[in-house]
Protein backbone atom coordinates (compact mmCIF):
# COMPACT_ATOMS: atom_id res chain seq x y z
CA UNK A 1 61.19 -21.34 -31.74
CA UNK A 2 57.56 -20.49 -31.04
CA UNK A 3 55.35 -22.09 -33.67
CA UNK A 4 51.86 -22.28 -32.13
CA UNK A 5 48.70 -20.21 -32.05
CA UNK A 6 46.39 -20.74 -29.07
CA UNK A 7 42.64 -20.23 -29.13
CA UNK A 8 42.24 -18.52 -25.75
CA UNK A 9 38.85 -17.83 -24.21
CA UNK A 10 39.93 -16.56 -20.81
CA UNK A 11 38.39 -19.53 -19.02
CA UNK A 12 40.15 -22.03 -16.76
CA UNK A 13 41.11 -24.55 -19.43
CA UNK A 14 42.65 -22.38 -22.12
CA UNK A 15 44.34 -20.18 -19.51
CA UNK A 16 46.00 -23.27 -18.07
CA UNK A 17 47.17 -24.31 -21.52
CA UNK A 18 48.50 -20.79 -22.10
CA UNK A 19 50.76 -21.08 -19.06
CA UNK A 20 51.70 -24.71 -19.63
CA UNK A 21 52.74 -24.16 -23.25
CA UNK A 22 53.87 -20.52 -23.05
CA UNK A 23 57.27 -21.32 -24.56
CA UNK A 24 55.58 -22.60 -27.75
CA UNK A 25 52.85 -19.98 -28.17
CA UNK A 26 53.62 -17.14 -30.57
CA UNK A 27 50.09 -15.71 -30.59
CA UNK A 28 46.87 -16.13 -28.58
CA UNK A 29 43.51 -15.40 -30.19
CA UNK A 30 40.16 -14.76 -28.56
CA UNK A 31 36.90 -14.74 -30.51
CA UNK A 32 34.07 -12.38 -29.65
CA UNK A 33 31.00 -14.11 -31.03
CA UNK A 34 28.50 -12.22 -28.91
CA UNK A 35 28.03 -14.77 -26.15
CA UNK A 36 26.67 -13.75 -22.76
CA UNK A 37 30.10 -14.14 -21.19
CA UNK A 38 32.58 -12.97 -23.87
CA UNK A 39 32.80 -9.60 -22.17
CA UNK A 40 33.90 -11.22 -18.91
CA UNK A 41 36.28 -13.80 -20.39
CA UNK A 42 38.23 -11.82 -22.95
CA UNK A 43 39.71 -9.24 -20.55
CA UNK A 44 41.18 -12.14 -18.55
CA UNK A 45 42.64 -13.62 -21.74
CA UNK A 46 44.31 -10.30 -22.45
CA UNK A 47 45.52 -9.97 -18.85
CA UNK A 48 47.32 -13.32 -18.83
CA UNK A 49 48.91 -12.72 -22.22
CA UNK A 50 50.25 -9.41 -20.93
CA UNK A 51 51.69 -11.17 -17.88
CA UNK A 52 53.47 -13.70 -20.09
CA UNK A 53 54.49 -11.31 -22.85
CA UNK A 54 52.50 -13.24 -25.46
CA UNK A 55 50.81 -11.22 -28.24
CA UNK A 56 47.01 -11.37 -28.07
CA UNK A 57 44.31 -10.35 -30.51
CA UNK A 58 40.52 -10.51 -30.45
CA UNK A 59 38.63 -11.34 -33.63
CA UNK A 60 34.91 -10.44 -33.85
CA UNK A 61 32.50 -13.07 -35.13
CA UNK A 62 29.30 -11.09 -34.76
CA UNK A 63 27.51 -13.09 -37.43
CA UNK A 64 27.32 -16.04 -35.03
CA UNK A 65 25.32 -13.98 -32.55
CA UNK A 66 23.09 -12.64 -35.29
CA UNK A 67 22.31 -15.86 -37.12
CA UNK A 68 23.02 -18.87 -34.87
CA UNK A 69 20.66 -20.33 -32.27
CA UNK A 70 21.98 -21.00 -28.76
CA UNK A 71 21.05 -19.95 -25.24
CA UNK A 72 24.62 -18.67 -24.93
CA UNK A 73 23.66 -15.94 -27.38
CA UNK A 74 20.24 -15.07 -25.97
CA UNK A 75 20.99 -13.39 -22.63
CA UNK A 76 21.50 -14.58 -19.06
CA UNK A 77 17.87 -15.59 -18.50
CA UNK A 78 18.10 -18.15 -21.32
CA UNK A 79 20.86 -20.14 -19.57
CA UNK A 80 19.48 -23.20 -17.78
CA UNK A 81 20.67 -24.14 -14.33
CA UNK A 82 21.89 -27.59 -13.35
CA UNK A 83 24.64 -29.97 -14.39
CA UNK A 84 25.85 -30.95 -17.84
CA UNK A 85 24.08 -34.27 -17.33
CA UNK A 86 20.77 -32.49 -17.76
CA UNK A 87 19.37 -32.67 -21.29
CA UNK A 88 18.51 -28.98 -21.31
CA UNK A 89 22.21 -28.07 -21.27
CA UNK A 90 22.27 -28.91 -24.97
CA UNK A 91 20.69 -25.48 -25.46
CA UNK A 92 24.13 -23.98 -24.73
CA UNK A 93 25.67 -25.52 -27.85
CA UNK A 94 26.72 -22.88 -30.37
CA UNK A 95 26.54 -24.83 -33.66
CA UNK A 96 30.00 -25.72 -35.00
CA UNK A 97 31.60 -22.98 -32.88
CA UNK A 98 34.97 -24.69 -32.59
CA UNK A 99 34.97 -25.60 -36.27
CA UNK A 100 34.53 -21.96 -37.23
CA UNK A 101 37.10 -20.68 -34.75
CA UNK A 102 39.68 -23.29 -35.70
CA UNK A 103 39.23 -22.49 -39.39
CA UNK A 104 39.88 -18.81 -38.75
CA UNK A 105 42.77 -19.69 -36.45
CA UNK A 106 44.32 -21.92 -39.12
CA UNK A 107 44.21 -19.13 -41.70
CA UNK A 108 45.72 -16.73 -39.20
CA UNK A 109 48.42 -19.25 -38.25
CA UNK A 110 49.44 -19.77 -41.87
CA UNK A 111 49.50 -15.99 -42.37
CA UNK A 112 51.94 -15.77 -39.44
CA UNK A 113 54.12 -18.71 -40.56
CA UNK A 114 52.98 -20.83 -37.61
CA UNK A 115 52.46 -24.58 -37.88
CA UNK A 116 50.15 -25.51 -35.03
CA UNK A 117 46.80 -24.40 -33.58
CA UNK A 118 46.17 -25.27 -29.94
CA UNK A 119 42.80 -25.66 -28.22
CA UNK A 120 41.84 -26.60 -24.66
CA UNK A 121 38.77 -28.83 -25.00
CA UNK A 122 38.58 -31.53 -22.34
CA UNK A 123 36.88 -34.86 -21.72
CA UNK A 124 34.00 -33.36 -19.74
CA UNK A 125 32.89 -31.42 -22.84
CA UNK A 126 32.32 -34.50 -24.97
CA UNK A 127 28.75 -35.50 -24.14
CA UNK A 128 27.27 -32.08 -24.81
CA UNK A 129 29.55 -30.50 -27.42
CA UNK A 130 30.20 -32.49 -30.63
CA UNK A 131 33.03 -30.15 -31.69
CA UNK A 132 35.00 -30.97 -28.55
CA UNK A 133 35.23 -34.71 -29.14
CA UNK A 134 38.37 -36.56 -30.17
CA UNK A 135 36.80 -37.65 -33.47
CA UNK A 136 36.11 -34.02 -34.37
CA UNK A 137 39.60 -32.86 -33.37
CA UNK A 138 41.31 -35.58 -35.41
CA UNK A 139 39.20 -34.99 -38.51
CA UNK A 140 39.43 -31.21 -38.27
CA UNK A 141 43.19 -31.44 -37.88
CA UNK A 142 43.40 -33.63 -40.98
CA UNK A 143 41.25 -31.19 -42.97
CA UNK A 144 43.31 -28.17 -41.89
CA UNK A 145 46.54 -29.98 -42.69
CA UNK A 146 45.25 -30.90 -46.14
CA UNK A 147 44.05 -27.37 -46.76
CA UNK A 148 47.20 -25.43 -45.81
CA UNK A 149 50.59 -25.26 -47.48
CA UNK A 150 52.26 -25.50 -44.07
CA UNK A 151 50.17 -28.59 -43.17
CA UNK A 152 49.01 -26.94 -39.98
CA UNK A 153 47.72 -29.33 -37.33
CA UNK A 154 45.56 -29.04 -34.22
CA UNK A 155 47.11 -29.78 -30.85
CA UNK A 156 44.43 -30.50 -28.23
CA UNK A 157 46.36 -32.04 -25.31
CA UNK A 158 43.46 -31.96 -22.84
CA UNK A 159 41.01 -33.92 -25.00
CA UNK A 160 41.06 -37.03 -22.82
CA UNK A 161 41.55 -35.55 -19.36
CA UNK A 162 39.08 -34.01 -16.92
CA UNK A 163 38.65 -30.41 -15.81
CA UNK A 164 39.95 -31.45 -12.39
CA UNK A 165 43.11 -32.77 -14.08
CA UNK A 166 43.48 -29.39 -15.78
CA UNK A 167 43.00 -27.62 -12.44
CA UNK A 168 45.76 -29.77 -10.96
CA UNK A 169 48.05 -28.59 -13.74
CA UNK A 170 47.08 -25.02 -12.96
CA UNK A 171 47.78 -25.55 -9.29
CA UNK A 172 51.30 -26.75 -10.07
CA UNK A 173 51.79 -23.71 -12.34
CA UNK A 174 50.60 -21.30 -9.67
CA UNK A 175 47.65 -19.97 -11.69
CA UNK A 176 45.21 -17.77 -9.81
CA UNK A 177 41.89 -18.99 -11.14
CA UNK A 178 40.13 -15.93 -9.75
CA UNK A 179 41.54 -14.32 -12.88
CA UNK A 180 39.48 -16.57 -15.17
CA UNK A 181 35.79 -16.68 -16.04
CA UNK A 182 33.42 -19.64 -16.38
CA UNK A 183 29.80 -18.56 -15.83
CA UNK A 184 27.61 -18.77 -18.93
CA UNK A 185 25.28 -16.06 -17.64
CA UNK A 186 28.01 -13.42 -17.80
CA UNK A 187 26.80 -11.34 -14.85
CA UNK A 188 28.86 -9.22 -12.49
CA UNK A 189 29.84 -12.35 -10.54
CA UNK A 190 29.58 -16.07 -11.24
CA UNK A 191 25.99 -17.24 -10.72
CA UNK A 192 27.08 -20.46 -8.99
CA UNK A 193 24.15 -22.41 -10.44
CA UNK A 194 24.73 -22.94 -14.17
CA UNK A 195 26.59 -26.02 -15.40
CA UNK A 196 29.90 -24.24 -15.93
CA UNK A 197 29.81 -22.80 -12.42
CA UNK A 198 29.02 -26.21 -10.93
CA UNK A 199 31.79 -27.80 -13.00
CA UNK A 200 34.23 -25.09 -11.91
CA UNK A 201 33.40 -25.66 -8.23
CA UNK A 202 33.79 -29.43 -8.55
CA UNK A 203 37.09 -29.24 -10.47
CA UNK A 204 38.70 -26.84 -8.00
CA UNK A 205 37.53 -28.92 -5.05
CA UNK A 206 38.83 -32.16 -6.58
CA UNK A 207 42.17 -30.51 -7.32
CA UNK A 208 42.46 -29.30 -3.73
CA UNK A 209 42.32 -25.62 -4.68
CA UNK A 210 40.59 -23.14 -2.39
CA UNK A 211 37.77 -21.65 -4.45
CA UNK A 212 37.94 -17.89 -4.03
CA UNK A 213 35.53 -17.25 -6.91
CA UNK A 214 32.83 -14.74 -6.06
CA UNK A 215 29.45 -16.41 -6.56
CA UNK A 216 26.00 -14.86 -6.50
CA UNK A 217 23.46 -15.69 -3.84
């Protein structure tokens, strides 16, 4: 019996989890919060759900774009280039983004008689994004469980593995990562210079996957 809801962005990580746990996922949910790259990611999320026969919905969270401060919400030119090790990458944090999305997902899951919310954060996210860390996941799961009749929990199986480890899973599952989006600038093609593009390149290379992503000059 399918009992899980997956928060699905359309990026490499959540798409991999979609395929890996397809037999458990009753519903996948994307959130359009007005980021530079939502318009590139979400169509891929929908595409993969259609391939797998998994229902997919998109929930708008426009208030985040209107009221929150983050370079992810301010246009392509606001996105810094360089690796996640650079201090300026903290500008890409959308305050408490995962907390908000997981709260909505939990309410939706309980409304659909589901008992689990899945997310695809990974170890490489931890330094920059507080709401991707194991401490956050555990405490958020406890709060959601306490606040729902069904005692819904969060399942975040990639929390302590790397993006390259996730790519290896995707390789074994036969996922075509050309049908995913990473770039924070959200242009016509991946910029190849922002932290997510650099991380994508490194993960695919480490996993032994030919990178057929189209990058800008």
